[in-house]
N, C-alpha and C. Protein backbone atom coordinates (compact mmCIF):
# COMPACT_ATOMS: atom_id res chain seq x y z
N MET A 1 -0.38 40.15 -5.22
CA MET A 1 0.98 39.58 -4.90
C MET A 1 1.89 40.73 -4.71
N SER A 2 3.02 40.53 -3.98
CA SER A 2 3.96 41.40 -3.66
C SER A 2 4.94 41.56 -4.74
N LYS A 3 5.57 42.74 -4.87
CA LYS A 3 6.60 42.90 -5.88
C LYS A 3 7.83 41.87 -5.73
N GLN A 4 8.01 41.65 -4.42
CA GLN A 4 9.30 40.74 -4.20
C GLN A 4 8.96 39.30 -4.74
N LEU A 5 7.76 38.78 -4.65
CA LEU A 5 7.19 37.48 -5.03
C LEU A 5 7.15 37.44 -6.47
N VAL A 6 6.64 38.47 -7.04
CA VAL A 6 6.62 38.61 -8.66
C VAL A 6 8.03 38.59 -9.18
N SER A 7 8.99 39.29 -8.66
CA SER A 7 10.36 39.35 -9.12
C SER A 7 10.99 38.11 -9.09
N ARG A 8 10.58 37.29 -7.80
CA ARG A 8 11.35 36.04 -7.68
C ARG A 8 10.76 35.01 -8.72
N LEU A 9 9.40 35.08 -8.98
CA LEU A 9 8.96 34.10 -9.97
C LEU A 9 9.35 34.42 -11.25
N LEU A 10 9.44 35.62 -11.73
CA LEU A 10 9.95 36.03 -12.99
C LEU A 10 11.57 35.57 -13.00
N GLY A 11 12.26 35.76 -12.05
CA GLY A 11 13.61 35.32 -11.99
C GLY A 11 13.84 33.91 -12.23
N MET A 12 12.92 33.24 -11.66
CA MET A 12 12.95 31.66 -11.69
C MET A 12 12.79 31.14 -13.12
N PHE A 13 11.81 31.88 -13.85
CA PHE A 13 11.67 31.47 -15.33
C PHE A 13 12.68 31.92 -16.15
N ARG A 14 13.42 32.89 -15.92
CA ARG A 14 14.32 33.39 -16.65
C ARG A 14 15.72 32.46 -16.45
N SER A 15 15.88 31.91 -15.39
CA SER A 15 17.22 31.26 -15.12
C SER A 15 16.97 29.81 -15.49
N ARG A 16 15.98 29.30 -15.80
CA ARG A 16 15.76 28.02 -16.24
C ARG A 16 16.46 27.58 -17.41
N THR A 17 16.92 26.36 -17.57
CA THR A 17 17.77 25.94 -18.84
C THR A 17 16.92 24.68 -19.31
N GLN A 18 16.49 24.68 -20.65
CA GLN A 18 15.99 23.38 -21.16
C GLN A 18 17.10 22.41 -21.43
N VAL A 19 17.11 21.31 -20.88
CA VAL A 19 18.09 20.30 -21.05
C VAL A 19 17.74 19.24 -22.18
N GLY A 20 16.39 19.19 -22.54
CA GLY A 20 15.98 18.23 -23.64
C GLY A 20 14.48 18.24 -23.75
N ALA A 21 14.06 17.25 -24.61
CA ALA A 21 12.68 16.98 -24.90
C ALA A 21 12.57 15.53 -25.41
N ASP A 22 11.38 14.92 -25.20
CA ASP A 22 11.22 13.59 -25.59
C ASP A 22 10.29 13.44 -26.79
N LYS A 23 10.06 12.26 -27.35
CA LYS A 23 9.35 12.08 -28.44
C LYS A 23 7.84 12.51 -28.37
N PHE A 24 7.43 12.58 -27.26
CA PHE A 24 6.06 13.10 -26.90
C PHE A 24 5.85 14.53 -26.85
N GLY A 25 6.89 15.32 -27.01
CA GLY A 25 6.71 16.52 -26.88
C GLY A 25 7.14 17.38 -25.44
N ASN A 26 7.33 16.57 -24.41
CA ASN A 26 7.51 16.91 -23.14
C ASN A 26 8.76 17.65 -23.02
N ARG A 27 8.99 18.77 -22.41
CA ARG A 27 10.23 19.46 -22.25
C ARG A 27 10.86 19.34 -20.82
N TYR A 28 12.12 19.36 -20.70
CA TYR A 28 12.72 19.00 -19.46
C TYR A 28 13.67 20.09 -19.00
N PHE A 29 13.62 20.66 -17.89
CA PHE A 29 14.29 21.86 -17.61
C PHE A 29 15.10 21.61 -16.20
N THR A 30 16.03 22.48 -15.99
CA THR A 30 16.94 22.51 -14.76
C THR A 30 17.22 23.98 -14.30
N ARG A 31 17.36 24.13 -12.99
CA ARG A 31 17.72 25.43 -12.61
C ARG A 31 18.53 25.29 -11.32
N VAL A 32 19.50 26.01 -11.12
CA VAL A 32 20.33 25.94 -9.75
C VAL A 32 19.67 27.19 -8.88
N GLU A 33 19.31 26.85 -7.64
CA GLU A 33 18.91 27.86 -6.60
C GLU A 33 19.38 27.56 -5.31
N GLU A 34 19.43 28.55 -4.59
CA GLU A 34 20.02 28.65 -3.31
C GLU A 34 18.85 28.14 -2.27
N VAL A 35 19.06 27.00 -1.57
CA VAL A 35 18.05 26.63 -0.69
C VAL A 35 18.87 26.48 0.81
N ASP A 36 18.49 27.17 1.76
CA ASP A 36 19.13 27.12 3.08
C ASP A 36 20.61 27.27 2.97
N GLY A 37 21.09 28.26 2.22
CA GLY A 37 22.44 28.52 1.90
C GLY A 37 23.28 27.53 1.10
N VAL A 38 22.57 26.53 0.66
CA VAL A 38 23.21 25.61 -0.35
C VAL A 38 22.60 25.65 -1.66
N MET A 39 23.54 25.57 -2.64
CA MET A 39 23.07 25.72 -3.93
C MET A 39 22.61 24.30 -4.41
N GLU A 40 21.49 24.09 -4.83
CA GLU A 40 20.77 22.91 -5.24
C GLU A 40 20.25 23.06 -6.74
N GLU A 41 20.34 21.98 -7.54
CA GLU A 41 19.85 21.77 -8.79
C GLU A 41 18.31 21.30 -8.72
N LYS A 42 17.40 22.01 -9.33
CA LYS A 42 16.02 21.72 -9.40
C LYS A 42 15.81 21.03 -10.84
N ARG A 43 15.03 19.98 -10.91
CA ARG A 43 14.66 19.35 -12.24
C ARG A 43 13.18 19.40 -12.34
N TRP A 44 12.61 19.54 -13.45
CA TRP A 44 11.36 19.44 -13.81
C TRP A 44 10.97 19.15 -15.11
N VAL A 45 9.68 18.72 -15.33
CA VAL A 45 9.20 18.58 -16.81
C VAL A 45 7.98 19.39 -16.86
N GLU A 46 7.83 19.79 -18.18
CA GLU A 46 6.64 20.80 -18.51
C GLU A 46 5.98 19.73 -19.67
N PHE A 47 4.85 19.31 -19.33
CA PHE A 47 4.15 18.41 -20.32
C PHE A 47 3.63 19.16 -21.68
N LYS A 48 3.43 18.50 -22.70
CA LYS A 48 3.06 18.94 -23.99
C LYS A 48 1.41 19.07 -23.85
N GLY A 49 0.86 20.24 -23.83
CA GLY A 49 -0.62 20.32 -23.77
C GLY A 49 -1.13 20.46 -22.48
N SER A 50 -2.35 20.37 -22.24
CA SER A 50 -2.95 20.61 -20.92
C SER A 50 -3.11 19.21 -20.19
N ASP A 51 -2.85 18.07 -20.95
CA ASP A 51 -3.15 16.79 -20.46
C ASP A 51 -2.36 16.25 -19.35
N GLN A 52 -1.00 16.69 -19.32
CA GLN A 52 -0.13 16.30 -18.27
C GLN A 52 -0.27 14.76 -18.00
N ASP A 53 -0.20 14.03 -18.88
CA ASP A 53 -0.10 12.62 -18.92
C ASP A 53 1.27 12.11 -18.41
N GLN A 54 1.46 11.55 -17.15
CA GLN A 54 2.72 11.33 -16.62
C GLN A 54 3.24 9.92 -17.15
N THR A 55 2.37 9.26 -17.82
CA THR A 55 2.74 7.85 -18.23
C THR A 55 3.69 8.11 -19.58
N THR A 56 3.73 9.29 -20.17
CA THR A 56 4.50 9.60 -21.32
C THR A 56 5.84 10.00 -21.12
N VAL A 57 6.23 10.01 -19.78
CA VAL A 57 7.63 10.20 -19.30
C VAL A 57 8.38 8.95 -19.38
N GLN A 58 9.44 8.91 -20.20
CA GLN A 58 10.24 7.76 -20.54
C GLN A 58 11.13 7.47 -19.16
N VAL A 59 11.51 6.36 -18.99
CA VAL A 59 12.41 5.82 -17.87
C VAL A 59 13.61 6.48 -17.76
N GLU A 60 14.26 6.83 -18.81
CA GLU A 60 15.55 7.57 -18.62
C GLU A 60 15.31 8.89 -18.18
N TRP A 61 14.36 9.67 -18.51
CA TRP A 61 13.98 10.86 -18.09
C TRP A 61 13.35 10.89 -16.62
N ILE A 62 12.75 9.90 -16.09
CA ILE A 62 12.32 9.75 -14.71
C ILE A 62 13.59 9.55 -13.98
N CYS A 63 14.62 8.82 -14.34
CA CYS A 63 15.83 8.65 -13.53
C CYS A 63 16.43 9.98 -13.51
N TRP A 64 16.59 10.82 -14.46
CA TRP A 64 17.19 12.01 -14.44
C TRP A 64 16.57 13.02 -13.63
N LEU A 65 15.09 13.05 -13.55
CA LEU A 65 14.46 13.93 -12.80
C LEU A 65 14.49 13.66 -11.16
N ASN A 66 14.71 12.21 -10.86
CA ASN A 66 14.73 11.82 -9.54
C ASN A 66 16.36 11.85 -9.17
N GLY A 67 17.26 12.36 -9.94
CA GLY A 67 18.71 12.58 -9.41
C GLY A 67 19.39 11.22 -9.57
N GLN A 68 18.75 10.18 -10.21
CA GLN A 68 19.55 8.89 -10.28
C GLN A 68 20.53 8.92 -11.41
N ARG A 69 20.34 10.03 -12.38
CA ARG A 69 21.43 10.15 -13.37
C ARG A 69 21.89 11.61 -13.26
N LYS A 70 23.22 11.82 -13.56
CA LYS A 70 23.80 13.16 -13.31
C LYS A 70 23.47 13.96 -14.68
N LYS A 71 23.52 13.12 -15.90
CA LYS A 71 23.45 13.94 -16.95
C LYS A 71 21.96 13.54 -17.76
N ALA A 72 21.37 14.40 -18.34
CA ALA A 72 20.14 14.18 -19.08
C ALA A 72 20.32 13.21 -20.13
N PRO A 73 19.41 12.36 -20.57
CA PRO A 73 19.61 11.46 -21.66
C PRO A 73 19.67 12.22 -22.90
N THR A 74 20.60 11.93 -23.73
CA THR A 74 20.74 12.41 -25.16
C THR A 74 19.86 11.92 -26.26
N PRO A 75 19.51 12.62 -27.22
CA PRO A 75 18.54 12.05 -28.32
C PRO A 75 19.11 10.82 -28.78
N GLU A 76 20.45 10.62 -29.01
CA GLU A 76 21.01 9.45 -29.42
C GLU A 76 20.85 8.40 -28.80
N GLU A 77 21.03 8.56 -27.45
CA GLU A 77 20.69 7.45 -26.31
C GLU A 77 19.34 7.05 -26.38
N LEU A 78 18.48 8.03 -26.35
CA LEU A 78 16.95 7.64 -26.44
C LEU A 78 16.71 6.88 -27.56
N ALA A 79 17.24 7.03 -28.69
CA ALA A 79 16.94 6.48 -30.07
C ALA A 79 17.44 5.05 -29.95
N GLU A 80 18.72 4.80 -29.38
CA GLU A 80 19.29 3.59 -29.28
C GLU A 80 18.44 2.66 -28.39
N LEU A 81 18.01 3.16 -27.30
CA LEU A 81 17.27 2.48 -26.28
C LEU A 81 15.81 2.01 -26.98
N GLU A 82 15.31 2.97 -27.65
CA GLU A 82 14.10 2.66 -28.31
C GLU A 82 14.20 1.64 -29.32
N ALA A 83 15.32 1.49 -29.99
CA ALA A 83 15.57 0.56 -31.10
C ALA A 83 15.75 -0.96 -30.38
N ARG A 84 16.43 -0.71 -29.28
CA ARG A 84 16.69 -2.11 -28.43
C ARG A 84 15.33 -2.63 -27.91
N ARG A 85 14.41 -1.69 -27.52
CA ARG A 85 13.07 -2.22 -27.02
C ARG A 85 12.23 -2.78 -28.07
N GLU A 86 12.55 -2.13 -29.21
CA GLU A 86 11.74 -2.64 -30.41
C GLU A 86 12.14 -4.04 -30.84
N ARG A 87 13.57 -4.29 -30.92
CA ARG A 87 14.00 -5.50 -31.29
C ARG A 87 13.66 -6.56 -30.25
N TYR A 88 13.63 -6.28 -28.79
CA TYR A 88 13.21 -7.30 -27.96
C TYR A 88 11.81 -7.60 -28.07
N SER A 89 11.00 -6.57 -28.45
CA SER A 89 9.54 -6.84 -28.58
C SER A 89 9.32 -7.70 -29.73
N LYS A 90 9.90 -7.52 -30.93
CA LYS A 90 9.88 -8.46 -32.02
C LYS A 90 10.34 -9.93 -31.75
N LYS A 91 11.37 -10.03 -31.00
CA LYS A 91 12.01 -11.26 -30.57
C LYS A 91 10.97 -11.88 -29.76
N LYS A 92 10.35 -11.28 -28.71
CA LYS A 92 9.41 -11.90 -27.89
C LYS A 92 8.01 -12.37 -28.71
N GLU A 93 7.73 -11.59 -29.68
CA GLU A 93 6.69 -11.97 -30.67
C GLU A 93 6.91 -13.12 -31.48
N GLU A 94 8.11 -13.39 -31.91
CA GLU A 94 8.53 -14.65 -32.67
C GLU A 94 8.52 -15.78 -31.79
N GLU A 95 9.15 -15.67 -30.59
CA GLU A 95 9.11 -16.76 -29.55
C GLU A 95 7.62 -17.26 -29.46
N GLU A 96 6.72 -16.33 -29.22
CA GLU A 96 5.47 -16.69 -28.96
C GLU A 96 4.74 -17.38 -30.16
N LYS A 97 5.15 -16.87 -31.42
CA LYS A 97 4.68 -17.63 -32.46
C LYS A 97 5.14 -18.99 -32.65
N LYS A 98 6.39 -19.23 -32.28
CA LYS A 98 7.12 -20.43 -32.34
C LYS A 98 6.34 -21.58 -31.31
N THR A 99 6.28 -21.01 -30.16
CA THR A 99 5.69 -21.96 -29.08
C THR A 99 4.11 -21.91 -29.00
N GLY A 100 3.68 -20.95 -29.50
CA GLY A 100 2.13 -20.90 -29.60
C GLY A 100 1.75 -20.56 -28.24
N VAL A 101 2.39 -20.12 -27.25
CA VAL A 101 2.14 -19.69 -25.95
C VAL A 101 2.08 -18.04 -25.85
N ARG A 102 1.05 -17.66 -25.51
CA ARG A 102 1.07 -16.13 -25.35
C ARG A 102 0.92 -15.92 -23.87
N PRO A 103 1.65 -14.97 -23.46
CA PRO A 103 1.52 -14.55 -21.99
C PRO A 103 0.06 -14.06 -21.66
N VAL A 104 -0.50 -14.31 -20.49
CA VAL A 104 -1.72 -13.90 -20.05
C VAL A 104 -1.61 -12.30 -19.68
N LYS A 105 -2.47 -11.58 -20.17
CA LYS A 105 -2.49 -10.13 -19.69
C LYS A 105 -3.84 -9.98 -19.07
N THR A 106 -3.92 -9.52 -17.85
CA THR A 106 -5.10 -9.37 -17.19
C THR A 106 -5.35 -7.85 -17.17
N VAL A 107 -6.55 -7.37 -17.24
CA VAL A 107 -6.94 -5.97 -17.08
C VAL A 107 -7.71 -5.88 -15.91
N GLY A 108 -7.54 -4.83 -14.99
CA GLY A 108 -8.44 -4.73 -13.87
C GLY A 108 -7.88 -5.45 -12.77
N LYS A 109 -9.01 -6.02 -11.78
CA LYS A 109 -8.50 -6.64 -10.76
C LYS A 109 -7.97 -8.05 -11.04
N PHE A 110 -7.04 -8.37 -10.18
CA PHE A 110 -6.40 -9.74 -10.48
C PHE A 110 -7.18 -10.87 -9.58
N GLU A 111 -7.11 -12.14 -10.09
CA GLU A 111 -7.88 -13.06 -9.28
C GLU A 111 -6.93 -13.44 -8.23
N SER A 112 -7.64 -14.28 -7.34
CA SER A 112 -6.88 -14.69 -6.14
C SER A 112 -5.84 -15.72 -6.49
N PRO A 113 -4.76 -15.94 -5.81
CA PRO A 113 -3.74 -16.95 -6.14
C PRO A 113 -4.14 -18.39 -6.19
N ASN A 114 -3.63 -19.18 -7.02
CA ASN A 114 -3.91 -20.58 -7.06
C ASN A 114 -3.24 -21.26 -5.85
N LEU A 115 -4.04 -21.79 -4.98
CA LEU A 115 -3.27 -22.50 -3.97
C LEU A 115 -3.48 -23.99 -3.94
N LYS A 116 -3.63 -24.52 -5.15
CA LYS A 116 -3.87 -25.95 -5.31
C LYS A 116 -2.59 -26.58 -4.96
N SER A 117 -1.49 -26.00 -5.15
CA SER A 117 -0.19 -26.65 -4.81
C SER A 117 0.00 -26.83 -3.33
N SER A 118 -0.65 -26.19 -2.59
CA SER A 118 -0.36 -26.27 -1.09
C SER A 118 -1.42 -27.27 -0.37
N ILE A 119 -2.39 -27.81 -1.27
CA ILE A 119 -3.24 -28.81 -0.74
C ILE A 119 -2.67 -30.04 -0.15
N PRO A 120 -1.61 -30.65 -0.85
CA PRO A 120 -1.07 -31.82 -0.29
C PRO A 120 -0.37 -31.57 0.98
N GLN A 121 0.05 -30.38 1.44
CA GLN A 121 0.65 -30.06 2.61
C GLN A 121 -0.39 -30.04 3.86
N PHE A 122 -1.52 -29.35 3.44
CA PHE A 122 -2.57 -29.08 4.36
C PHE A 122 -3.66 -30.03 4.13
N PRO A 123 -4.10 -30.92 4.95
CA PRO A 123 -5.24 -31.71 4.69
C PRO A 123 -6.46 -30.82 4.67
N ASP A 124 -7.53 -31.16 3.89
CA ASP A 124 -8.66 -30.48 3.73
C ASP A 124 -9.59 -30.45 5.01
N THR A 125 -9.53 -31.39 5.77
CA THR A 125 -10.41 -31.48 6.97
C THR A 125 -9.27 -31.72 8.12
N SER A 126 -9.73 -31.17 9.30
CA SER A 126 -8.85 -31.48 10.54
C SER A 126 -9.50 -32.76 11.23
N LEU A 127 -8.84 -32.96 12.20
CA LEU A 127 -9.28 -34.17 13.07
C LEU A 127 -10.67 -33.96 13.62
N ASP A 128 -11.03 -32.84 14.05
CA ASP A 128 -12.45 -32.45 14.62
C ASP A 128 -13.47 -32.71 13.59
N GLN A 129 -13.19 -32.26 12.31
CA GLN A 129 -14.12 -32.34 11.27
C GLN A 129 -14.40 -33.79 10.82
N ARG A 130 -13.23 -34.56 11.02
CA ARG A 130 -13.46 -36.08 10.39
C ARG A 130 -14.21 -36.83 11.59
N LYS A 131 -13.97 -36.64 12.82
CA LYS A 131 -14.52 -37.48 13.78
C LYS A 131 -15.60 -36.84 14.59
N GLY A 132 -15.75 -35.58 14.53
CA GLY A 132 -16.69 -34.82 15.22
C GLY A 132 -16.19 -34.32 16.58
N HIS A 133 -16.69 -33.34 17.08
CA HIS A 133 -16.12 -32.71 18.30
C HIS A 133 -16.42 -33.70 19.54
N ASP A 134 -17.47 -34.38 19.52
CA ASP A 134 -17.91 -35.24 20.72
C ASP A 134 -16.85 -36.42 20.81
N GLU A 135 -16.63 -36.90 19.63
CA GLU A 135 -15.61 -38.02 19.65
C GLU A 135 -14.15 -37.71 20.11
N VAL A 136 -13.70 -36.46 19.64
CA VAL A 136 -12.42 -35.93 20.08
C VAL A 136 -12.40 -35.78 21.55
N SER A 137 -13.37 -35.24 22.20
CA SER A 137 -13.40 -34.94 23.53
C SER A 137 -13.63 -36.01 24.48
N ARG A 138 -13.85 -37.29 23.85
CA ARG A 138 -14.14 -38.50 24.81
C ARG A 138 -12.79 -39.34 24.79
N SER A 139 -12.58 -40.09 25.79
CA SER A 139 -11.47 -40.92 25.82
C SER A 139 -11.87 -42.34 25.33
N LYS A 140 -11.10 -43.27 25.34
CA LYS A 140 -11.39 -44.62 24.80
C LYS A 140 -12.38 -45.31 25.50
N ASP A 141 -12.53 -45.07 26.81
CA ASP A 141 -13.51 -45.77 27.58
C ASP A 141 -14.96 -45.17 27.42
N GLY A 142 -15.06 -44.11 26.73
CA GLY A 142 -16.28 -43.41 26.57
C GLY A 142 -16.69 -42.23 27.54
N SER A 143 -16.04 -42.10 28.55
CA SER A 143 -16.23 -41.10 29.63
C SER A 143 -15.68 -39.60 28.97
N ASP A 144 -16.32 -38.71 29.34
CA ASP A 144 -15.81 -37.24 28.84
C ASP A 144 -14.53 -36.87 29.90
N THR A 145 -13.63 -36.60 29.22
CA THR A 145 -12.53 -36.03 29.81
C THR A 145 -12.12 -34.67 29.25
N GLU A 146 -11.42 -33.75 29.93
CA GLU A 146 -10.97 -32.58 29.36
C GLU A 146 -9.79 -32.69 28.46
N ASP A 147 -8.78 -33.59 28.86
CA ASP A 147 -7.42 -33.71 28.24
C ASP A 147 -7.37 -35.13 27.57
N ALA A 148 -8.38 -35.48 27.05
CA ALA A 148 -8.31 -36.76 26.22
C ALA A 148 -7.51 -36.73 24.94
N THR A 149 -6.87 -37.63 24.66
CA THR A 149 -6.05 -37.78 23.54
C THR A 149 -6.27 -39.06 22.75
N ILE A 150 -6.14 -38.79 21.36
CA ILE A 150 -6.40 -39.79 20.47
C ILE A 150 -5.06 -40.48 20.05
N ASP A 151 -4.96 -41.79 19.93
CA ASP A 151 -3.88 -42.47 19.52
C ASP A 151 -3.71 -42.55 18.02
N THR A 152 -4.76 -42.24 17.25
CA THR A 152 -4.55 -42.24 15.80
C THR A 152 -3.77 -41.23 15.30
N ASP A 153 -3.55 -41.08 13.99
CA ASP A 153 -2.57 -40.13 13.41
C ASP A 153 -2.97 -38.73 13.87
N ARG A 154 -2.03 -37.89 14.33
CA ARG A 154 -2.35 -36.53 14.64
C ARG A 154 -2.29 -35.54 13.54
N SER A 155 -3.06 -34.57 13.65
CA SER A 155 -3.08 -33.37 12.54
C SER A 155 -2.36 -32.47 13.00
N SER A 156 -1.71 -31.65 12.03
CA SER A 156 -0.99 -30.59 12.39
C SER A 156 -1.85 -29.26 12.51
N GLU A 157 -3.36 -29.54 12.04
CA GLU A 157 -4.30 -28.49 12.21
C GLU A 157 -4.66 -28.30 13.44
N PRO A 158 -5.16 -27.07 13.89
CA PRO A 158 -5.72 -26.96 15.27
C PRO A 158 -7.05 -27.70 15.42
N THR A 159 -7.13 -28.37 16.51
CA THR A 159 -8.29 -29.26 16.76
C THR A 159 -9.29 -28.77 17.83
N GLY A 160 -8.88 -28.02 18.67
CA GLY A 160 -9.78 -27.74 19.64
C GLY A 160 -10.68 -26.45 19.63
N THR A 161 -11.37 -26.13 20.56
CA THR A 161 -12.19 -25.04 20.65
C THR A 161 -11.75 -23.88 21.63
N GLY A 162 -10.58 -24.30 22.35
CA GLY A 162 -10.23 -23.55 23.38
C GLY A 162 -10.46 -23.75 24.87
N ALA A 163 -11.54 -24.63 25.01
CA ALA A 163 -12.06 -24.96 26.24
C ALA A 163 -11.04 -25.90 27.10
N THR A 164 -10.26 -26.67 26.27
CA THR A 164 -9.30 -27.48 27.06
C THR A 164 -7.73 -27.00 26.91
N PHE A 165 -7.61 -25.74 26.66
CA PHE A 165 -6.32 -25.14 26.46
C PHE A 165 -5.51 -25.15 27.67
N LYS A 166 -4.38 -25.56 27.79
CA LYS A 166 -3.52 -25.51 28.78
C LYS A 166 -2.07 -25.05 28.40
N PRO A 167 -1.76 -23.80 28.96
CA PRO A 167 -0.50 -23.25 28.44
C PRO A 167 0.75 -24.16 28.60
N GLY A 168 1.66 -24.02 27.57
CA GLY A 168 2.91 -24.90 27.74
C GLY A 168 2.67 -26.36 27.33
N THR A 169 1.51 -26.82 27.11
CA THR A 169 1.35 -28.34 26.81
C THR A 169 1.50 -28.59 25.29
N TRP A 170 1.57 -27.75 24.38
CA TRP A 170 1.57 -27.93 22.98
C TRP A 170 2.88 -28.57 22.56
N GLN A 171 2.82 -29.50 21.82
CA GLN A 171 4.08 -30.14 21.26
C GLN A 171 3.84 -30.33 19.82
N PRO A 172 4.87 -29.89 18.92
CA PRO A 172 4.68 -30.02 17.53
C PRO A 172 4.48 -31.55 17.16
N PRO A 173 3.79 -31.63 15.95
CA PRO A 173 3.54 -33.21 15.46
C PRO A 173 4.82 -33.74 15.18
N THR A 174 5.03 -34.99 15.41
CA THR A 174 6.14 -35.84 15.04
C THR A 174 5.98 -36.71 13.84
């Protein structure tokens, strides 16, 4: 490494200022440095131990690191928010005991959505499946026609195979 790089790295570590620590032992730092002629504040976290578990960073610190907060959270603020979260958690547990309903917690992959509510909107079989393709493509007199129509109830489901497609002739169901 060059002498210039080494002195720059040492200067960065000397000019850092610790602004706080959280209950997990993570420490938070800031430094002002010049970037393209503009003085910018850099913020970062040093995790306790070699684990670097990012899930231990509290929401308030995440907001400060991302610049969504101007001031770092104070220990008093963090204690107050922790107490509020604890009260909410206890209140939620009491409600679950009263109602007997516990929220479902899933781990891993989620199941597919329940689409049973949409069944009344969309019939389970289309007109082709109910009458068969041969009956749909025949007119009332029994002769095969390309543009045969059926006078019975129309389905909003697609019914053709594409062989009788004519551009501009589709009309929405009435």
